Amino acid sequence: MSARPAAEVSWSVGGARLLSDAEVCAAVSAALAHGGRPGLTLAVVFVADAELARLHAEHLGDPSPTDVLAFDLGEEGDGPAGEVYVSVERARAVARERDLAPDAELLLYVVHGCLHLCGHDDHAPRARARMRAAERAVLALLGSARR
């Protein structure tokens, strides 16, 4: 029997894909391993800003646009243990503002969402610093350094 992929990837937005499904799976595997939850399978869904803002409002009571949302579904059953929703539009816009490659920004969002599912938080300053260090470590493993 073959091993399950680290991620079930779906694209709910049109246009050129910034990352291959293999790159997404590699990012998910690296982030989960770094965060102490290797072997999980996640659903990674790439969406438009409007869809992510709708989910943000529905689940967190905040209708503002955001870059990534992560939902822990538990490890029971045959389906994914979590879902990571990522805004492709937000990655393109932020990359343009910061003069970064959009694929690198999108990769960061995937890693960030996975790290949230590993217990990382980014609300308090110390927790945010730990999250940023974890992001840098995972991105370095993937060969994608942040400025």
Foldseek 3Di string as FASTA:
>chain_A
DDADQQEAEDEPDDDDDLDDPVLLSLLLQLLCVLLVRHRFYEYEYEDAQQVQLVVCCVPVVGSDGDAKDKAQCPDDDDDGRIYMYGHLVVLVVVCVVVVHRSSLSRSLSSSLRSNVVSVQDCDDPVSVVVSVVSSQVSCVVVVRHDD
